[in-house]
């Protein structure tokens, strides 16, 4: 079984154990977990080891891990977009200079 699928199954089982069956992971969240399954499953196992028997806390902690990773990736992508926007602005400025001097 893929690590991400294993984690999804465990999260769903934990939600069921907490009688929170009405809560479902969205397709996007499941895909994100699948894409990062190795890392998240390792974190999940550490959480289960460090917080045995406290399923609600375990669930909250893995959601924090996933959210933190998503935020970190988002910040990196935003920094890259900002950098590329600056490059684009500089190139536009150079095009304007070139057109003024032709």
PDB file of N, CA and C in Angstrom:
ATOM      1  N   UNK A   1       0.846  -1.174   0.000  1.00  0.00           N
ATOM      2  CA  UNK A   1       0.000   0.000   0.000  1.00  0.00           C
ATOM      3  C   UNK A   1       0.897   1.245   0.000  1.00  0.00           C
ATOM      4  N   UNK A   2       0.489   2.248  -0.739  1.00  0.00           N
ATOM      5  CA  UNK A   2       1.235   3.502  -0.777  1.00  0.00           C
ATOM      6  C   UNK A   2       1.190   4.180   0.591  1.00  0.00           C
ATOM      7  N   UNK A   3       2.290   4.831   0.981  1.00  0.00           N
ATOM      8  CA  UNK A   3       2.309   5.486   2.294  1.00  0.00           C
ATOM      9  C   UNK A   3       1.172   6.493   2.479  1.00  0.00           C
ATOM     10  N   UNK A   4       0.912   7.280   1.444  1.00  0.00           N
ATOM     11  CA  UNK A   4      -0.168   8.270   1.548  1.00  0.00           C
ATOM     12  C   UNK A   4      -1.524   7.620   1.735  1.00  0.00           C
ATOM     13  N   UNK A   5      -1.769   6.535   1.005  1.00  0.00           N
ATOM     14  CA  UNK A   5      -3.047   5.821   1.133  1.00  0.00           C
ATOM     15  C   UNK A   5      -3.175   5.225   2.532  1.00  0.00           C
ATOM     16  N   UNK A   6      -2.071   4.706   3.053  1.00  0.00           N
ATOM     17  CA  UNK A   6      -2.081   4.156   4.410  1.00  0.00           C
ATOM     18  C   UNK A   6      -2.450   5.238   5.420  1.00  0.00           C
ATOM     19  N   UNK A   7      -1.864   6.415   5.268  1.00  0.00           N
ATOM     20  CA  UNK A   7      -2.165   7.510   6.185  1.00  0.00           C
ATOM     21  C   UNK A   7      -3.619   7.946   6.052  1.00  0.00           C
ATOM     22  N   UNK A   8      -4.109   8.061   4.831  1.00  0.00           N
ATOM     23  CA  UNK A   8      -5.511   8.441   4.618  1.00  0.00           C
ATOM     24  C   UNK A   8      -6.426   7.440   5.315  1.00  0.00           C
ATOM     25  N   UNK A   9      -6.147   6.178   5.143  1.00  0.00           N
ATOM     26  CA  UNK A   9      -6.955   5.145   5.792  1.00  0.00           C
ATOM     27  C   UNK A   9      -6.914   5.285   7.313  1.00  0.00           C
ATOM     28  N   UNK A  10      -5.737   5.560   7.858  1.00  0.00           N
ATOM     29  CA  UNK A  10      -5.613   5.709   9.311  1.00  0.00           C
ATOM     30  C   UNK A  10      -6.339   6.957   9.805  1.00  0.00           C
ATOM     31  N   UNK A  11      -6.247   8.041   9.044  1.00  0.00           N
ATOM     32  CA  UNK A  11      -6.970   9.265   9.428  1.00  0.00           C
ATOM     33  C   UNK A  11      -8.469   8.996   9.415  1.00  0.00           C
ATOM     34  N   UNK A  12      -8.948   8.358   8.358  1.00  0.00           N
ATOM     35  CA  UNK A  12     -10.375   8.052   8.268  1.00  0.00           C
ATOM     36  C   UNK A  12     -10.815   7.125   9.405  1.00  0.00           C
ATOM     37  N   UNK A  13      -9.979   6.154   9.760  1.00  0.00           N
ATOM     38  CA  UNK A  13     -10.308   5.259  10.867  1.00  0.00           C
ATOM     39  C   UNK A  13     -10.329   6.029  12.185  1.00  0.00           C
ATOM     40  N   UNK A  14      -9.390   6.940  12.356  1.00  0.00           N
ATOM     41  CA  UNK A  14      -9.349   7.752  13.575  1.00  0.00           C
ATOM     42  C   UNK A  14     -10.585   8.626  13.672  1.00  0.00           C
ATOM     43  N   UNK A  15     -10.994   9.231  12.561  1.00  0.00           N
ATOM     44  CA  UNK A  15     -12.226  10.028  12.559  1.00  0.00           C
ATOM     45  C   UNK A  15     -13.420   9.155  12.942  1.00  0.00           C
ATOM     46  N   UNK A  16     -13.456   7.958  12.409  1.00  0.00           N
ATOM     47  CA  UNK A  16     -14.537   7.026  12.739  1.00  0.00           C
ATOM     48  C   UNK A  16     -14.504   6.670  14.227  1.00  0.00           C
ATOM     49  N   UNK A  17     -13.306   6.416  14.753  1.00  0.00           N
ATOM     50  CA  UNK A  17     -13.162   6.094  16.174  1.00  0.00           C
ATOM     51  C   UNK A  17     -13.653   7.240  17.063  1.00  0.00           C
ATOM     52  N   UNK A  18     -13.524   8.464  16.560  1.00  0.00           N
ATOM     53  CA  UNK A  18     -13.956   9.646  17.315  1.00  0.00           C
ATOM     54  C   UNK A  18     -15.422   9.995  17.033  1.00  0.00           C
ATOM     55  N   UNK A  19     -16.113   9.092  16.327  1.00  0.00           N
ATOM     56  CA  UNK A  19     -17.506   9.318  15.935  1.00  0.00           C
ATOM     57  C   UNK A  19     -17.664  10.602  15.119  1.00  0.00           C
ATOM     58  N   UNK A  20     -16.677  10.862  14.287  1.00  0.00           N
ATOM     59  CA  UNK A  20     -16.708  12.039  13.408  1.00  0.00           C
ATOM     60  C   UNK A  20     -16.818  11.577  11.955  1.00  0.00           C
ATOM     61  N   UNK A  21     -17.690  10.614  11.736  1.00  0.00           N
ATOM     62  CA  UNK A  21     -17.843  10.035  10.402  1.00  0.00           C
ATOM     63  C   UNK A  21     -18.332  11.052   9.372  1.00  0.00           C
ATOM     64  N   UNK A  22     -18.953  12.139   9.823  1.00  0.00           N
ATOM     65  CA  UNK A  22     -19.453  13.135   8.885  1.00  0.00           C
ATOM     66  C   UNK A  22     -18.319  13.963   8.257  1.00  0.00           C
ATOM     67  N   UNK A  23     -17.136  13.888   8.865  1.00  0.00           N
ATOM     68  CA  UNK A  23     -15.989  14.610   8.332  1.00  0.00           C
ATOM     69  C   UNK A  23     -15.280  13.736   7.313  1.00  0.00           C
ATOM     70  N   UNK A  24     -15.055  14.295   6.150  1.00  0.00           N
ATOM     71  CA  UNK A  24     -14.370  13.569   5.083  1.00  0.00           C
ATOM     72  C   UNK A  24     -13.213  14.417   4.574  1.00  0.00           C
ATOM     73  N   UNK A  25     -12.185  13.739   4.124  1.00  0.00           N
ATOM     74  CA  UNK A  25     -11.075  14.435   3.496  1.00  0.00           C
ATOM     75  C   UNK A  25     -11.475  14.746   2.055  1.00  0.00           C
ATOM     76  N   UNK A  26     -11.216  15.961   1.627  1.00  0.00           N
ATOM     77  CA  UNK A  26     -11.536  16.331   0.244  1.00  0.00           C
ATOM     78  C   UNK A  26     -10.586  15.606  -0.708  1.00  0.00           C
ATOM     79  N   UNK A  27     -10.962  15.552  -1.953  1.00  0.00           N
ATOM     80  CA  UNK A  27     -10.103  14.945  -2.964  1.00  0.00           C
ATOM     81  C   UNK A  27      -8.764  15.659  -3.057  1.00  0.00           C
ATOM     82  N   UNK A  28      -8.788  16.987  -2.922  1.00  0.00           N
ATOM     83  CA  UNK A  28      -7.539  17.761  -2.986  1.00  0.00           C
ATOM     84  C   UNK A  28      -6.624  17.432  -1.813  1.00  0.00           C
ATOM     85  N   UNK A  29      -7.208  17.334  -0.630  1.00  0.00           N
ATOM     86  CA  UNK A  29      -6.403  17.001   0.546  1.00  0.00           C
ATOM     87  C   UNK A  29      -5.854  15.587   0.433  1.00  0.00           C
ATOM     88  N   UNK A  30      -6.687  14.669  -0.028  1.00  0.00           N
ATOM     89  CA  UNK A  30      -6.202  13.304  -0.216  1.00  0.00           C
ATOM     90  C   UNK A  30      -5.045  13.277  -1.213  1.00  0.00           C
ATOM     91  N   UNK A  31      -5.164  14.022  -2.309  1.00  0.00           N
ATOM     92  CA  UNK A  31      -4.091  14.047  -3.301  1.00  0.00           C
ATOM     93  C   UNK A  31      -2.816  14.624  -2.706  1.00  0.00           C
ATOM     94  N   UNK A  32      -2.945  15.661  -1.892  1.00  0.00           N
ATOM     95  CA  UNK A  32      -1.776  16.263  -1.252  1.00  0.00           C
ATOM     96  C   UNK A  32      -1.103  15.259  -0.321  1.00  0.00           C
ATOM     97  N   UNK A  33      -1.900  14.504   0.415  1.00  0.00           N
ATOM     98  CA  UNK A  33      -1.355  13.480   1.307  1.00  0.00           C
ATOM     99  C   UNK A  33      -0.683  12.391   0.485  1.00  0.00           C
ATOM    100  N   UNK A  34      -1.305  11.987  -0.608  1.00  0.00           N
ATOM    101  CA  UNK A  34      -0.697  10.971  -1.475  1.00  0.00           C
ATOM    102  C   UNK A  34       0.638  11.457  -2.031  1.00  0.00           C
ATOM    103  N   UNK A  35       0.688  12.725  -2.428  1.00  0.00           N
ATOM    104  CA  UNK A  35       1.915  13.285  -3.005  1.00  0.00           C
ATOM    105  C   UNK A  35       3.051  13.371  -1.997  1.00  0.00           C
ATOM    106  N   UNK A  36       2.720  13.482  -0.719  1.00  0.00           N
ATOM    107  CA  UNK A  36       3.724  13.642   0.337  1.00  0.00           C
ATOM    108  C   UNK A  36       3.660  12.498   1.349  1.00  0.00           C
ATOM    109  N   UNK A  37       3.184  11.357   0.906  1.00  0.00           N
ATOM    110  CA  UNK A  37       2.886  10.243   1.791  1.00  0.00           C
ATOM    111  C   UNK A  37       4.026   9.768   2.656  1.00  0.00           C
ATOM    112  N   UNK A  38       5.215   9.637   2.089  1.00  0.00           N
ATOM    113  CA  UNK A  38       6.339   9.130   2.880  1.00  0.00           C
ATOM    114  C   UNK A  38       6.609  10.016   4.092  1.00  0.00           C
ATOM    115  N   UNK A  39       6.696  11.312   3.842  1.00  0.00           N
ATOM    116  CA  UNK A  39       6.997  12.263   4.920  1.00  0.00           C
ATOM    117  C   UNK A  39       5.882  12.291   5.961  1.00  0.00           C
ATOM    118  N   UNK A  40       4.641  12.365   5.497  1.00  0.00           N
ATOM    119  CA  UNK A  40       3.526  12.456   6.429  1.00  0.00           C
ATOM    120  C   UNK A  40       3.325  11.172   7.224  1.00  0.00           C
ATOM    121  N   UNK A  41       3.531  10.035   6.592  1.00  0.00           N
ATOM    122  CA  UNK A  41       3.370   8.778   7.306  1.00  0.00           C
ATOM    123  C   UNK A  41       4.424   8.643   8.402  1.00  0.00           C
ATOM    124  N   UNK A  42       5.639   9.075   8.117  1.00  0.00           N
ATOM    125  CA  UNK A  42       6.692   9.069   9.136  1.00  0.00           C
ATOM    126  C   UNK A  42       6.283   9.946  10.317  1.00  0.00           C
ATOM    127  N   UNK A  43       5.769  11.136  10.017  1.00  0.00           N
ATOM    128  CA  UNK A  43       5.309  12.042  11.081  1.00  0.00           C
ATOM    129  C   UNK A  43       4.175  11.398  11.872  1.00  0.00           C
ATOM    130  N   UNK A  44       3.244  10.762  11.171  1.00  0.00           N
ATOM    131  CA  UNK A  44       2.111  10.108  11.824  1.00  0.00           C
ATOM    132  C   UNK A  44       2.572   9.038  12.797  1.00  0.00           C
ATOM    133  N   UNK A  45       3.523   8.248  12.369  1.00  0.00           N
ATOM    134  CA  UNK A  45       4.030   7.183  13.245  1.00  0.00           C
ATOM    135  C   UNK A  45       4.703   7.759  14.491  1.00  0.00           C
ATOM    136  N   UNK A  46       5.430   8.846  14.322  1.00  0.00           N
ATOM    137  CA  UNK A  46       6.061   9.500  15.474  1.00  0.00           C
ATOM    138  C   UNK A  46       5.005  10.063  16.419  1.00  0.00           C
ATOM    139  N   UNK A  47       3.974  10.665  15.843  1.00  0.00           N
ATOM    140  CA  UNK A  47       2.885  11.214  16.665  1.00  0.00           C
ATOM    141  C   UNK A  47       2.199  10.092  17.441  1.00  0.00           C
ATOM    142  N   UNK A  48       1.899   8.991  16.774  1.00  0.00           N
ATOM    143  CA  UNK A  48       1.238   7.871  17.458  1.00  0.00           C
ATOM    144  C   UNK A  48       2.120   7.317  18.576  1.00  0.00           C
ATOM    145  N   UNK A  49       3.418   7.322  18.359  1.00  0.00           N
ATOM    146  CA  UNK A  49       4.345   6.840  19.389  1.00  0.00           C
ATOM    147  C   UNK A  49       4.406   7.811  20.567  1.00  0.00           C
ATOM    148  N   UNK A  50       4.444   9.115  20.267  1.00  0.00           N
ATOM    149  CA  UNK A  50       4.595  10.130  21.306  1.00  0.00           C
ATOM    150  C   UNK A  50       3.302  10.419  22.071  1.00  0.00           C
ATOM    151  N   UNK A  51       2.150  10.165  21.445  1.00  0.00           N
ATOM    152  CA  UNK A  51       0.856  10.456  22.069  1.00  0.00           C
ATOM    153  C   UNK A  51      -0.056   9.223  22.016  1.00  0.00           C
ATOM    154  N   UNK A  52       0.372   8.127  22.620  1.00  0.00           N
ATOM    155  CA  UNK A  52      -0.437   6.897  22.556  1.00  0.00           C
ATOM    156  C   UNK A  52      -1.783   7.084  23.253  1.00  0.00           C
ATOM    157  N   UNK A  53      -2.814   6.560  22.600  1.00  0.00           N
ATOM    158  CA  UNK A  53      -4.131   6.579  23.224  1.00  0.00           C
ATOM    159  C   UNK A  53      -4.897   7.876  23.107  1.00  0.00           C
ATOM    160  N   UNK A  54      -4.264   8.943  22.713  1.00  0.00           N
ATOM    161  CA  UNK A  54      -4.942  10.231  22.598  1.00  0.00           C
ATOM    162  C   UNK A  54      -5.224  10.508  21.117  1.00  0.00           C
ATOM    163  N   UNK A  55      -6.260   9.864  20.599  1.00  0.00           N
ATOM    164  CA  UNK A  55      -6.514   9.919  19.155  1.00  0.00           C
ATOM    165  C   UNK A  55      -6.871  11.315  18.660  1.00  0.00           C
ATOM    166  N   UNK A  56      -7.588  12.077  19.459  1.00  0.00           N
ATOM    167  CA  UNK A  56      -7.937  13.437  19.035  1.00  0.00           C
ATOM    168  C   UNK A  56      -6.672  14.290  18.902  1.00  0.00           C
ATOM    169  N   UNK A  57      -5.790  14.185  19.874  1.00  0.00           N
ATOM    170  CA  UNK A  57      -4.524  14.930  19.824  1.00  0.00           C
ATOM    171  C   UNK A  57      -3.677  14.459  18.634  1.00  0.00           C
ATOM    172  N   UNK A  58      -3.645  13.157  18.393  1.00  0.00           N
ATOM    173  CA  UNK A  58      -2.901  12.622  17.252  1.00  0.00           C
ATOM    174  C   UNK A  58      -3.417  13.223  15.947  1.00  0.00           C
ATOM    175  N   UNK A  59      -4.720  13.249  15.809  1.00  0.00           N
ATOM    176  CA  UNK A  59      -5.330  13.783  14.602  1.00  0.00           C
ATOM    177  C   UNK A  59      -5.024  15.267  14.438  1.00  0.00           C
ATOM    178  N   UNK A  60      -5.161  16.019  15.520  1.00  0.00           N
ATOM    179  CA  UNK A  60      -4.854  17.452  15.461  1.00  0.00           C
ATOM    180  C   UNK A  60      -3.399  17.691  15.069  1.00  0.00           C
ATOM    181  N   UNK A  61      -2.508  16.882  15.608  1.00  0.00           N
ATOM    182  CA  UNK A  61      -1.087  17.058  15.314  1.00  0.00           C
ATOM    183  C   UNK A  61      -0.755  16.729  13.861  1.00  0.00           C
ATOM    184  N   UNK A  62      -1.332  15.671  13.303  1.00  0.00           N
ATOM    185  CA  UNK A  62      -1.034  15.359  11.900  1.00  0.00           C
ATOM    186  C   UNK A  62      -1.637  16.423  10.992  1.00  0.00           C
ATOM    187  N   UNK A  63      -2.800  16.943  11.362  1.00  0.00           N
ATOM    188  CA  UNK A  63      -3.360  18.037  10.562  1.00  0.00           C
ATOM    189  C   UNK A  63      -2.474  19.270  10.638  1.00  0.00           C
ATOM    190  N   UNK A  64      -1.888  19.536  11.807  1.00  0.00           N
ATOM    191  CA  UNK A  64      -0.941  20.650  11.937  1.00  0.00           C
ATOM    192  C   UNK A  64       0.284  20.439  11.041  1.00  0.00           C
ATOM    193  N   UNK A  65       0.789  19.221  11.012  1.00  0.00           N
ATOM    194  CA  UNK A  65       1.948  18.899  10.171  1.00  0.00           C
ATOM    195  C   UNK A  65       1.609  19.146   8.702  1.00  0.00           C
ATOM    196  N   UNK A  66       0.463  18.656   8.278  1.00  0.00           N
ATOM    197  CA  UNK A  66       0.059  18.808   6.875  1.00  0.00           C
ATOM    198  C   UNK A  66      -0.142  20.281   6.552  1.00  0.00           C
ATOM    199  N   UNK A  67      -0.809  21.000   7.436  1.00  0.00           N
ATOM    200  CA  UNK A  67      -1.046  22.419   7.206  1.00  0.00           C
ATOM    201  C   UNK A  67       0.257  23.202   7.160  1.00  0.00           C
ATOM    202  N   UNK A  68       1.165  22.877   8.037  1.00  0.00           N
ATOM    203  CA  UNK A  68       2.459  23.551   8.072  1.00  0.00           C
ATOM    204  C   UNK A  68       3.226  23.326   6.772  1.00  0.00           C
ATOM    205  N   UNK A  69       3.212  22.096   6.292  1.00  0.00           N
ATOM    206  CA  UNK A  69       3.906  21.786   5.035  1.00  0.00           C
ATOM    207  C   UNK A  69       3.259  22.513   3.863  1.00  0.00           C
ATOM    208  N   UNK A  70       1.941  22.546   3.832  1.00  0.00           N
ATOM    209  CA  UNK A  70       1.234  23.248   2.755  1.00  0.00           C
ATOM    210  C   UNK A  70       1.565  24.745   2.792  1.00  0.00           C
ATOM    211  N   UNK A  71       1.580  25.319   3.996  1.00  0.00           N
ATOM    212  CA  UNK A  71       1.912  26.735   4.135  1.00  0.00           C
ATOM    213  C   UNK A  71       3.343  26.996   3.684  1.00  0.00           C
ATOM    214  N   UNK A  72       4.261  26.137   4.071  1.00  0.00           N
ATOM    215  CA  UNK A  72       5.662  26.289   3.686  1.00  0.00           C
ATOM    216  C   UNK A  72       5.824  26.222   2.170  1.00  0.00           C
ATOM    217  N   UNK A  73       5.179  25.246   1.553  1.00  0.00           N
ATOM    218  CA  UNK A  73       5.248  25.129   0.095  1.00  0.00           C
ATOM    219  C   UNK A  73       4.636  26.349  -0.580  1.00  0.00           C
ATOM    220  N   UNK A  74       3.527  26.819  -0.037  1.00  0.00           N
ATOM    221  CA  UNK A  74       2.865  27.996  -0.587  1.00  0.00           C
ATOM    222  C   UNK A  74       3.776  29.225  -0.506  1.00  0.00           C
ATOM    223  N   UNK A  75       4.437  29.393   0.633  1.00  0.00           N
ATOM    224  CA  UNK A  75       5.342  30.531   0.808  1.00  0.00           C
ATOM    225  C   UNK A  75       6.515  30.459  -0.173  1.00  0.00           C
ATOM    226  N   UNK A  76       7.050  29.259  -0.380  1.00  0.00           N
ATOM    227  CA  UNK A  76       8.146  29.097  -1.340  1.00  0.00           C
ATOM    228  C   UNK A  76       7.683  29.430  -2.750  1.00  0.00           C
ATOM    229  N   UNK A  77       6.510  28.948  -3.105  1.00  0.00           N
ATOM    230  CA  UNK A  77       5.980  29.237  -4.436  1.00  0.00           C
ATOM    231  C   UNK A  77       5.696  30.722  -4.606  1.00  0.00           C
ATOM    232  N   UNK A  78       5.163  31.359  -3.558  1.00  0.00           N
ATOM    233  CA  UNK A  78       4.891  32.784  -3.638  1.00  0.00           C
ATOM    234  C   UNK A  78       6.184  33.572  -3.795  1.00  0.00           C
ATOM    235  N   UNK A  79       7.230  33.174  -3.086  1.00  0.00           N
ATOM    236  CA  UNK A  79       8.531  33.840  -3.228  1.00  0.00           C
ATOM    237  C   UNK A  79       9.045  33.683  -4.655  1.00  0.00           C
ATOM    238  N   UNK A  80       8.863  32.517  -5.233  1.00  0.00           N
ATOM    239  CA  UNK A  80       9.297  32.280  -6.614  1.00  0.00           C
ATOM    240  C   UNK A  80       8.486  33.131  -7.588  1.00  0.00           C
ATOM    241  N   UNK A  81       7.178  33.216  -7.373  1.00  0.00           N
ATOM    242  CA  UNK A  81       6.326  34.056  -8.224  1.00  0.00           C
ATOM    243  C   UNK A  81       6.746  35.510  -8.107  1.00  0.00           C
ATOM    244  N   UNK A  82       7.003  35.986  -6.890  1.00  0.00           N
ATOM    245  CA  UNK A  82       7.446  37.368  -6.689  1.00  0.00           C
ATOM    246  C   UNK A  82       8.757  37.635  -7.425  1.00  0.00           C
ATOM    247  N   UNK A  83       9.684  36.681  -7.334  1.00  0.00           N
ATOM    248  CA  UNK A  83      10.966  36.809  -8.026  1.00  0.00           C
ATOM    249  C   UNK A  83      10.747  36.898  -9.533  1.00  0.00           C
ATOM    250  N   UNK A  84       9.917  36.012 -10.064  1.00  0.00           N
ATOM    251  CA  UNK A  84       9.658  36.013 -11.505  1.00  0.00           C
ATOM    252  C   UNK A  84       8.925  37.273 -11.942  1.00  0.00           C
ATOM    253  N   UNK A  85       8.053  37.802 -11.102  1.00  0.00           N
ATOM    254  CA  UNK A  85       7.395  39.070 -11.404  1.00  0.00           C
ATOM    255  C   UNK A  85       8.415  40.202 -11.497  1.00  0.00           C
ATOM    256  N   UNK A  86       9.405  40.198 -10.601  1.00  0.00           N
ATOM    257  CA  UNK A  86      10.462  41.212 -10.650  1.00  0.00           C
ATOM    258  C   UNK A  86      11.276  41.095 -11.938  1.00  0.00           C
ATOM    259  N   UNK A  87      11.581  39.865 -12.326  1.00  0.00           N
ATOM    260  CA  UNK A  87      12.309  39.649 -13.582  1.00  0.00           C
ATOM    261  C   UNK A  87      11.479  40.160 -14.748  1.00  0.00           C
ATOM    262  N   UNK A  88      10.202  39.851 -14.746  1.00  0.00           N
ATOM    263  CA  UNK A  88       9.315  40.314 -15.807  1.00  0.00           C
ATOM    264  C   UNK A  88       9.255  41.834 -15.854  1.00  0.00           C
ATOM    265  N   UNK A  89       9.140  42.470 -14.693  1.00  0.00           N
ATOM    266  CA  UNK A  89       9.121  43.936 -14.638  1.00  0.00           C
ATOM    267  C   UNK A  89      10.408  44.521 -15.193  1.00  0.00           C
ATOM    268  N   UNK A  90      11.529  43.929 -14.825  1.00  0.00           N
ATOM    269  CA  UNK A  90      12.815  44.414 -15.324  1.00  0.00           C
ATOM    270  C   UNK A  90      12.902  44.265 -16.844  1.00  0.00           C
ATOM    271  N   UNK A  91      12.443  43.142 -17.342  1.00  0.00           N
ATOM    272  CA  UNK A  91      12.461  42.936 -18.796  1.00  0.00           C
ATOM    273  C   UNK A  91      11.537  43.923 -19.505  1.00  0.00           C
ATOM    274  N   UNK A  92      10.374  44.188 -18.934  1.00  0.00           N
ATOM    275  CA  UNK A  92       9.460  45.183 -19.512  1.00  0.00           C
ATOM    276  C   UNK A  92      10.136  46.546 -19.558  1.00  0.00           C
ATOM    277  N   UNK A  93      10.830  46.884 -18.481  1.00  0.00           N
ATOM    278  CA  UNK A  93      11.558  48.152 -18.425  1.00  0.00           C
ATOM    279  C   UNK A  93      12.633  48.193 -19.523  1.00  0.00           C
ATOM    280  N   UNK A  94      13.335  47.094 -19.713  1.00  0.00           N
ATOM    281  CA  UNK A  94      14.360  47.035 -20.760  1.00  0.00           C
ATOM    282  C   UNK A  94      13.744  47.124 -22.153  1.00  0.00           C
ATOM    283  N   UNK A  95      12.583  46.503 -22.341  1.00  0.00           N
ATOM    284  CA  UNK A  95      11.899  46.623 -23.629  1.00  0.00           C
ATOM    285  C   UNK A  95      11.512  48.076 -23.890  1.00  0.00           C
ATOM    286  N   UNK A  96      11.011  48.757 -22.844  1.00  0.00           N
ATOM    287  CA  UNK A  96      10.640  50.166 -22.988  1.00  0.00           C
ATOM    288  C   UNK A  96      11.860  50.999 -23.340  1.00  0.00           C
ATOM    289  N   UNK A  97      12.984  50.731 -22.698  1.00  0.00           N
ATOM    290  CA  UNK A  97      14.227  51.453 -22.985  1.00  0.00           C
ATOM    291  C   UNK A  97      14.639  51.224 -24.439  1.00  0.00           C
ATOM    292  N   UNK A  98      14.579  49.980 -24.871  1.00  0.00           N
ATOM    293  CA  UNK A  98      14.956  49.625 -26.222  1.00  0.00           C
ATOM    294  C   UNK A  98      14.067  50.336 -27.238  1.00  0.00           C
ATOM    295  N   UNK A  99      12.764  50.405 -26.980  1.00  0.00           N
ATOM    296  CA  UNK A  99      11.833  51.059 -27.897  1.00  0.00           C
ATOM    297  C   UNK A  99      12.044  52.568 -27.934  1.00  0.00           C
ATOM    298  N   UNK A 100      12.430  53.169 -26.815  1.00  0.00           N
ATOM    299  CA  UNK A 100      12.670  54.607 -26.757  1.00  0.00           C
ATOM    300  C   UNK A 100      13.940  54.998 -27.515  1.00  0.00           C
ATOM    301  N   UNK A 101      14.878  54.075 -27.595  1.00  0.00           N
ATOM    302  CA  UNK A 101      16.168  54.398 -28.214  1.00  0.00           C
ATOM    303  C   UNK A 101      16.292  53.856 -29.636  1.00  0.00           C
ATOM    304  N   UNK A 102      15.213  53.430 -30.246  1.00  0.00           N
ATOM    305  CA  UNK A 102      15.270  52.928 -31.617  1.00  0.00           C
ATOM    306  C   UNK A 102      14.951  54.012 -32.591  1.00  0.00           C
TER     307      UNK A 102
END
